[in-house]
Amino acid sequence: MKTTTLYIVMAALVAFTSCQEKKTGTMETKQVCINDSLAKMIKIDTARESSMKNELKLTGEVSFDENNVVKVFPFASGQVMKVNVSLGDKVSQGQVLAVIRSADVAGNYSDLTSAKADLAISKRQLEQAEYLYKNGISSERDYTEAKENYNKAVAANSKVREQIAINGGGNTNAAGTLIVKAPRSGFIVEQNITSGNFIRPDNSSSMFTISNMRDVWIKANVFESDIAKVKVGYAAKITTLAYPDRVFTGKVNNVGSVLDPDSKVMTVRIALANPEMLLKPEMFTNVVISNSESAKAVAIPAASVMFDSGKNYVVVYHSKCNLQVREVSIIKSVEDTTYISSGLKRGDQIVSKNQLLLYNALVQD
């Protein structure tokens, strides 16, 4: 009876010892050796000390680069007779965008006609005054006065021509029609007029906005609790619904100073090159912003960690016949790196590929 009781106590102690071993991080395992075939299938990495990375996931949308656009404003009031382009169209420099009938333009041409007539008259008067002065018939004063009148007529004519040039130059005619042309090549990213619209003299909005779309902005929303995690210069990775397997990279180049009063979010802006013209305005995007902290921790490949029965394990490599299953505590995983708070130290070697084969062999009953 005493022998049986002693056996039960010893069994309990063994069980307790086994439990204690798991708590310290080393699981009781069988001895397994790595043969040459298996050695070719696995990969061994070394735990290193590294600054921890932060990763913040946001949603946003594509917008054109507002610092690299041309806005086409109306230089005269009138009625839009025709619009030849639509939002998103590609246009070439000099292409006709719209036609406007304008009383201002018609008035400019009327003024030009008068200025031409005055110039012609003053020119003839100057020629006559010069002839009379050189032949001693009239005084120098008369000649000087005629010259001043001619110069005034030239200035008035030039002024009217400059007004016409501002209002479209050769893109107008005496009937008061203003032809609006594209000042540069690109894409129509904003359009604020349609056929039949009246443009008032006090209108301050642009008719069209043209962008070359080679550089775009990603505008993402940051909640108040995450504001401290975003700063200018942080790296960003962007994915879209249109190209789910394509990752675009850029940097945060602007952080908003105020929160939206309704949604309570702050807008951050990411500058992104768009040489292939894949990104279009208003596209929905997923944004991942990352940066490094000052704090350091032991880092290992995320693929080397195995999850079993609510715990995380790695296979520690000492030699081909000295392998060990060890429990680790994870701080966080960012991209393909996992940061460890306990269970490993810098310099420990771990199996990071096909380690599940070794794990199953080591812990098999």
Protein backbone atom coordinates (compact mmCIF):
# COMPACT_ATOMS: atom_id res chain seq x y z
CA MET A 1 0.00 0.00 0.00
CA LYS A 2 2.86 2.37 0.90
CA THR A 3 4.64 1.47 -2.35
CA THR A 4 1.55 2.36 -4.40
CA THR A 5 1.19 5.69 -2.59
CA LEU A 6 4.87 6.50 -3.19
CA TYR A 7 4.48 5.75 -6.90
CA ILE A 8 1.51 8.10 -7.19
CA VAL A 9 3.45 10.90 -5.48
CA MET A 10 6.46 10.41 -7.78
CA ALA A 11 4.21 10.45 -10.85
CA ALA A 12 2.71 13.70 -9.66
CA LEU A 13 6.18 15.18 -9.20
CA VAL A 14 7.15 14.14 -12.72
CA ALA A 15 4.00 15.73 -14.10
CA PHE A 16 4.73 18.89 -12.12
CA THR A 17 8.31 18.97 -13.39
CA SER A 18 7.11 18.58 -16.98
CA CYS A 19 4.68 21.44 -16.45
CA GLN A 20 7.44 23.58 -15.00
CA GLU A 21 9.63 22.88 -18.03
CA LYS A 22 6.90 24.14 -20.35
CA LYS A 23 6.56 27.31 -18.29
CA THR A 24 10.26 28.04 -18.57
CA GLY A 25 9.90 27.77 -22.32
CA THR A 26 11.54 24.42 -23.16
CA MET A 27 9.27 21.55 -24.07
CA GLU A 28 10.31 17.98 -23.25
CA THR A 29 11.01 16.42 -26.64
CA LYS A 30 12.49 13.38 -28.33
CA GLN A 31 15.89 13.41 -29.94
CA VAL A 32 15.69 13.98 -33.68
CA CYS A 33 18.59 14.22 -36.10
CA ILE A 34 18.57 16.13 -39.39
CA ASN A 35 19.77 13.97 -42.27
CA ASP A 36 21.20 15.34 -45.51
CA SER A 37 17.87 15.23 -47.36
CA LEU A 38 16.06 17.15 -44.63
CA ALA A 39 18.92 19.64 -44.35
CA LYS A 40 18.20 20.75 -47.92
CA MET A 41 14.54 21.37 -47.07
CA ILE A 42 14.97 23.57 -44.01
CA LYS A 43 16.39 27.03 -43.45
CA ILE A 44 18.20 28.27 -40.38
CA ASP A 45 18.05 31.93 -39.27
CA THR A 46 19.66 33.75 -36.38
CA ALA A 47 17.67 35.80 -33.87
CA ARG A 48 18.86 39.39 -33.93
CA GLU A 49 18.24 42.51 -31.90
CA SER A 50 16.45 45.12 -33.95
CA SER A 51 14.49 48.33 -33.57
CA MET A 52 10.80 47.53 -33.56
CA LYS A 53 8.67 48.71 -36.44
CA ASN A 54 5.24 50.24 -36.12
CA GLU A 55 2.56 49.56 -38.69
CA LEU A 56 -0.65 51.55 -39.08
CA LYS A 57 -3.37 50.48 -41.50
CA LEU A 58 -5.56 53.20 -43.00
CA THR A 59 -8.06 53.70 -45.81
CA GLY A 60 -7.86 56.48 -48.34
CA GLU A 61 -8.40 57.53 -51.92
CA VAL A 62 -6.36 58.71 -54.89
CA SER A 63 -6.28 62.41 -55.71
CA PHE A 64 -4.38 64.41 -58.31
CA ASP A 65 -1.31 66.37 -57.23
CA GLU A 66 -2.69 69.88 -56.71
CA ASN A 67 0.81 71.37 -56.97
CA ASN A 68 1.22 70.09 -60.51
CA VAL A 69 -1.96 71.12 -62.33
CA VAL A 70 -3.14 73.87 -64.65
CA LYS A 71 -6.48 75.50 -63.91
CA VAL A 72 -8.28 77.07 -66.87
CA PHE A 73 -10.22 80.17 -65.80
CA PRO A 74 -12.70 82.22 -67.86
CA PHE A 75 -11.23 85.57 -68.88
CA ALA A 76 -14.58 86.94 -69.95
CA SER A 77 -18.22 86.50 -68.97
CA GLY A 78 -20.72 84.95 -71.34
CA GLN A 79 -22.65 81.80 -72.21
CA VAL A 80 -21.03 78.42 -72.80
CA MET A 81 -22.11 77.32 -76.26
CA LYS A 82 -20.19 74.05 -76.50
CA VAL A 83 -18.00 71.79 -74.34
CA ASN A 84 -15.82 69.35 -76.27
CA VAL A 85 -14.33 67.30 -73.41
CA SER A 86 -15.51 65.34 -70.39
CA LEU A 87 -14.06 64.53 -67.00
CA GLY A 88 -11.15 62.09 -67.34
CA ASP A 89 -10.47 62.83 -71.03
CA LYS A 90 -6.88 63.06 -72.21
CA VAL A 91 -6.22 66.35 -73.99
CA SER A 92 -3.33 67.79 -75.99
CA GLN A 93 -1.90 71.28 -75.76
CA GLY A 94 -3.92 73.62 -77.99
CA GLN A 95 -6.96 71.32 -78.15
CA VAL A 96 -10.32 73.15 -78.06
CA LEU A 97 -12.03 72.55 -74.72
CA ALA A 98 -15.05 74.85 -74.97
CA VAL A 99 -16.63 77.68 -76.96
CA ILE A 100 -18.10 80.72 -75.19
CA ARG A 101 -20.18 83.56 -76.65
CA SER A 102 -19.15 86.71 -74.82
CA ALA A 103 -20.35 90.32 -74.94
CA ASP A 104 -17.03 91.31 -73.38
CA VAL A 105 -15.13 89.86 -76.32
CA ALA A 106 -17.48 91.53 -78.78
CA GLY A 107 -16.91 94.84 -76.96
CA ASN A 108 -13.15 94.36 -77.16
CA TYR A 109 -13.34 93.95 -80.92
CA SER A 110 -15.51 97.05 -81.18
CA ASP A 111 -12.90 98.95 -79.20
CA LEU A 112 -10.23 97.52 -81.48
CA THR A 113 -12.03 98.83 -84.57
CA SER A 114 -12.21 102.30 -83.03
CA ALA A 115 -8.58 102.13 -81.96
CA LYS A 116 -7.51 101.17 -85.47
CA ALA A 117 -9.44 104.10 -86.95
CA ASP A 118 -7.94 106.54 -84.43
CA LEU A 119 -4.48 105.16 -85.17
CA ALA A 120 -4.92 105.57 -88.91
CA ILE A 121 -6.13 109.17 -88.50
CA SER A 122 -3.35 110.14 -86.11
CA LYS A 123 -0.80 108.58 -88.43
CA ARG A 124 -2.00 110.68 -91.37
CA GLN A 125 -2.02 113.80 -89.22
CA LEU A 126 1.52 113.06 -88.07
CA GLU A 127 2.70 112.62 -91.67
CA GLN A 128 1.10 115.94 -92.68
CA ALA A 129 2.51 117.76 -89.66
CA GLU A 130 5.96 116.35 -90.35
CA TYR A 131 5.81 117.45 -94.01
CA LEU A 132 4.67 120.98 -93.09
CA TYR A 133 7.26 121.29 -90.33
CA LYS A 134 10.14 120.19 -92.55
CA ASN A 135 9.05 122.68 -95.22
CA GLY A 136 8.84 125.53 -92.74
CA ILE A 137 5.06 125.93 -93.05
CA SER A 138 4.05 124.83 -89.52
CA SER A 139 5.70 125.17 -86.11
CA GLU A 140 7.62 122.54 -84.19
CA ARG A 141 4.86 122.64 -81.57
CA ASP A 142 2.28 121.43 -84.10
CA TYR A 143 4.58 118.64 -85.17
CA THR A 144 5.26 117.58 -81.55
CA GLU A 145 1.54 117.59 -80.74
CA ALA A 146 0.78 115.39 -83.76
CA LYS A 147 3.53 112.99 -82.71
CA GLU A 148 2.08 112.74 -79.16
CA ASN A 149 -1.41 112.09 -80.52
CA TYR A 150 -0.01 109.32 -82.70
CA ASN A 151 1.82 107.74 -79.74
CA LYS A 152 -1.41 107.83 -77.71
CA ALA A 153 -3.28 106.10 -80.54
CA VAL A 154 -0.59 103.42 -80.73
CA ALA A 155 -0.82 102.86 -76.95
CA ALA A 156 -4.63 102.65 -77.07
CA ASN A 157 -4.48 100.17 -79.93
CA SER A 158 -1.91 98.05 -78.06
CA LYS A 159 -4.05 98.10 -74.92
CA VAL A 160 -7.09 96.75 -76.73
CA ARG A 161 -5.01 94.08 -78.44
CA GLU A 162 -3.57 93.01 -75.08
CA GLN A 163 -7.08 92.76 -73.65
CA ILE A 164 -8.04 90.54 -76.55
CA ALA A 165 -4.89 88.47 -76.03
CA ILE A 166 -5.79 88.00 -72.37
CA ASN A 167 -9.29 86.95 -73.39
CA GLY A 168 -7.98 84.32 -75.77
CA GLY A 169 -5.90 86.14 -78.34
CA GLY A 170 -6.37 84.46 -81.69
CA ASN A 171 -9.04 82.27 -80.10
CA THR A 172 -11.67 85.02 -80.49
CA ASN A 173 -13.46 86.74 -83.34
CA ALA A 174 -15.46 89.87 -83.97
CA ALA A 175 -18.73 88.02 -83.40
CA GLY A 176 -17.81 87.71 -79.72
CA THR A 177 -16.94 84.02 -79.66
CA LEU A 178 -14.21 82.92 -77.26
CA ILE A 179 -12.51 79.58 -77.96
CA VAL A 180 -11.01 77.99 -74.83
CA LYS A 181 -7.94 75.85 -75.59
CA ALA A 182 -5.88 73.52 -73.41
CA PRO A 183 -2.72 75.32 -72.22
CA ARG A 184 -0.90 71.99 -71.72
CA SER A 185 -1.34 68.28 -72.34
CA GLY A 186 -2.78 66.06 -69.64
CA PHE A 187 -6.04 64.74 -68.26
CA ILE A 188 -9.20 66.61 -67.31
CA VAL A 189 -9.43 65.98 -63.57
CA GLU A 190 -12.00 68.70 -62.81
CA GLN A 191 -14.76 70.17 -64.95
CA ASN A 192 -17.07 72.90 -63.67
CA ILE A 193 -18.98 73.94 -66.80
CA THR A 194 -21.50 72.37 -69.14
CA SER A 195 -23.09 73.54 -72.35
CA GLY A 196 -25.59 76.35 -71.66
CA ASN A 197 -23.95 77.60 -68.47
CA PHE A 198 -23.67 81.35 -67.95
CA ILE A 199 -20.34 82.62 -66.70
CA ARG A 200 -20.76 85.71 -64.56
CA PRO A 201 -18.16 88.49 -64.37
CA ASP A 202 -17.58 87.76 -60.67
CA ASN A 203 -17.04 84.03 -61.24
CA SER A 204 -13.82 82.92 -59.52
CA SER A 205 -13.93 79.17 -60.11
CA SER A 206 -11.99 77.40 -62.83
CA MET A 207 -13.69 75.85 -65.85
CA PHE A 208 -11.25 72.94 -66.13
CA THR A 209 -8.30 71.51 -64.21
CA ILE A 210 -5.65 69.64 -66.20
CA SER A 211 -3.11 67.30 -64.60
CA ASN A 212 -0.47 65.10 -66.22
CA MET A 213 -1.24 62.43 -63.55
CA ARG A 214 2.40 61.34 -63.38
CA ASP A 215 2.37 62.21 -59.70
CA VAL A 216 -0.65 61.67 -57.48
CA TRP A 217 -1.62 62.11 -53.85
CA ILE A 218 -3.13 59.49 -51.60
CA LYS A 219 -5.33 61.10 -48.96
CA ALA A 220 -5.85 58.81 -45.96
CA ASN A 221 -7.87 59.26 -42.77
CA VAL A 222 -6.24 58.87 -39.36
CA PHE A 223 -8.30 58.47 -36.18
CA GLU A 224 -7.44 60.60 -33.18
CA SER A 225 -5.95 57.66 -31.27
CA ASP A 226 -3.42 57.03 -34.07
CA ILE A 227 -2.28 60.59 -34.78
CA ALA A 228 1.00 60.12 -32.91
CA LYS A 229 1.87 57.16 -35.17
CA VAL A 230 2.04 59.25 -38.36
CA LYS A 231 4.71 61.81 -39.20
CA VAL A 232 6.08 63.43 -42.35
CA GLY A 233 8.64 61.18 -44.01
CA TYR A 234 7.20 57.84 -42.84
CA ALA A 235 7.13 55.13 -45.51
CA ALA A 236 3.78 54.04 -46.91
CA LYS A 237 2.59 51.07 -48.95
CA ILE A 238 -0.60 51.38 -50.96
CA THR A 239 -2.82 48.73 -52.50
CA THR A 240 -5.99 49.18 -54.54
CA LEU A 241 -9.03 47.11 -55.46
CA ALA A 242 -8.13 47.49 -59.12
CA TYR A 243 -4.62 46.03 -58.66
CA PRO A 244 -4.78 43.81 -55.53
CA ASP A 245 -1.41 42.16 -56.25
CA ARG A 246 0.40 45.44 -56.90
CA VAL A 247 2.01 47.41 -54.06
CA PHE A 248 2.77 51.10 -54.60
CA THR A 249 5.30 52.79 -52.32
CA GLY A 250 5.55 56.41 -51.27
CA LYS A 251 6.14 58.67 -48.29
CA VAL A 252 3.94 60.81 -46.08
CA ASN A 253 4.57 64.41 -47.19
CA ASN A 254 1.85 66.23 -45.25
CA VAL A 255 0.01 65.71 -41.98
CA GLY A 256 -3.16 67.70 -41.35
CA SER A 257 -3.39 70.16 -38.46
CA VAL A 258 -7.12 69.86 -37.73
CA LEU A 259 -9.67 67.06 -37.42
CA ASP A 260 -12.82 66.84 -39.47
CA PRO A 261 -15.62 68.09 -37.15
CA ASP A 262 -18.03 65.37 -38.28
CA SER A 263 -15.92 62.23 -38.72
CA LYS A 264 -13.24 63.18 -36.14
CA VAL A 265 -10.44 62.04 -38.43
CA MET A 266 -7.30 63.81 -39.60
CA THR A 267 -6.15 63.70 -43.22
CA VAL A 268 -2.60 62.73 -44.15
CA ARG A 269 -1.20 63.01 -47.64
CA ILE A 270 1.16 60.59 -49.36
CA ALA A 271 3.08 61.58 -52.49
CA LEU A 272 3.24 58.81 -55.05
CA ALA A 273 4.81 58.50 -58.49
CA ASN A 274 2.37 57.26 -61.13
CA PRO A 275 4.44 56.71 -64.30
CA GLU A 276 2.18 53.97 -65.67
CA MET A 277 -1.00 56.01 -65.10
CA LEU A 278 -2.55 53.12 -63.17
CA LEU A 279 -3.85 55.22 -60.29
CA LYS A 280 -6.96 57.28 -61.05
CA PRO A 281 -8.60 60.02 -58.95
CA GLU A 282 -11.22 58.75 -56.47
CA MET A 283 -9.82 55.19 -56.43
CA PHE A 284 -10.24 53.50 -53.02
CA THR A 285 -6.94 52.52 -51.40
CA ASN A 286 -5.63 50.58 -48.43
CA VAL A 287 -2.62 52.28 -46.84
CA VAL A 288 -0.01 50.80 -44.50
CA ILE A 289 2.27 53.36 -42.85
CA SER A 290 5.38 52.02 -41.11
CA ASN A 291 8.24 53.45 -39.06
CA SER A 292 10.91 52.29 -36.63
CA GLU A 293 10.69 52.88 -32.87
CA SER A 294 13.61 53.63 -30.58
CA ALA A 295 12.83 50.52 -28.52
CA LYS A 296 14.62 47.31 -29.49
CA ALA A 297 13.68 43.63 -29.22
CA VAL A 298 14.77 40.21 -30.44
CA ALA A 299 13.52 39.80 -34.03
CA ILE A 300 13.00 36.58 -35.99
CA PRO A 301 11.27 35.75 -39.30
CA ALA A 302 7.52 35.59 -38.79
CA ALA A 303 7.43 32.31 -40.76
CA SER A 304 9.48 30.56 -38.08
CA VAL A 305 6.77 30.86 -35.40
CA MET A 306 4.26 28.01 -34.92
CA PHE A 307 0.99 28.29 -33.02
CA ASP A 308 -0.22 25.24 -31.09
CA SER A 309 -2.74 24.89 -28.25
CA GLY A 310 -2.88 28.62 -27.59
CA LYS A 311 0.90 29.07 -27.45
CA ASN A 312 3.67 30.11 -29.83
CA TYR A 313 6.71 27.91 -30.42
CA VAL A 314 9.93 27.89 -32.40
CA VAL A 315 12.41 25.11 -33.14
CA VAL A 316 15.83 26.07 -31.78
CA TYR A 317 18.83 24.65 -33.65
CA HIS A 318 21.99 23.75 -31.70
CA SER A 319 23.34 21.05 -33.99
CA LYS A 320 21.99 18.41 -36.36
CA CYS A 321 21.08 16.11 -33.49
CA ASN A 322 20.38 18.79 -30.89
CA LEU A 323 17.06 20.47 -31.64
CA GLN A 324 14.73 22.02 -29.12
CA VAL A 325 11.10 23.17 -29.16
CA ARG A 326 10.86 26.41 -27.21
CA GLU A 327 7.87 28.53 -26.29
CA VAL A 328 8.18 32.25 -27.10
CA SER A 329 6.20 35.35 -26.14
CA ILE A 330 5.39 37.66 -29.02
CA ILE A 331 5.29 41.43 -28.75
CA LYS A 332 3.95 41.95 -32.26
CA SER A 333 4.46 40.99 -35.89
CA VAL A 334 5.10 43.58 -38.59
CA GLU A 335 5.29 42.49 -42.23
CA ASP A 336 7.58 39.41 -42.25
CA THR A 337 9.21 40.04 -38.86
CA THR A 338 8.09 38.92 -35.39
CA TYR A 339 9.40 40.63 -32.25
CA ILE A 340 9.99 38.41 -29.20
CA SER A 341 9.83 39.49 -25.53
CA SER A 342 10.95 36.16 -24.01
CA GLY A 343 12.01 32.66 -25.03
CA LEU A 344 14.90 33.65 -27.28
CA LYS A 345 18.00 35.76 -27.02
CA ARG A 346 20.15 37.43 -29.63
CA GLY A 347 22.30 34.90 -31.48
CA ASP A 348 19.98 31.91 -31.00
CA GLN A 349 19.52 29.90 -34.18
CA ILE A 350 16.03 28.86 -35.21
CA VAL A 351 14.56 26.85 -38.08
CA SER A 352 12.50 29.18 -40.28
CA LYS A 353 11.45 26.89 -43.13
CA ASN A 354 9.63 23.55 -42.92
CA GLN A 355 10.12 23.67 -39.15
CA LEU A 356 6.70 22.06 -38.70
CA LEU A 357 8.18 18.73 -39.86
CA LEU A 358 10.75 18.89 -37.08
CA TYR A 359 8.20 20.13 -34.56
CA ASN A 360 5.89 17.16 -35.20
CA ALA A 361 8.79 14.71 -34.91
CA LEU A 362 10.15 16.30 -31.74
CA VAL A 363 6.86 16.42 -29.79
CA GLN A 364 5.38 13.17 -31.11
CA ASP A 365 4.29 10.83 -28.33
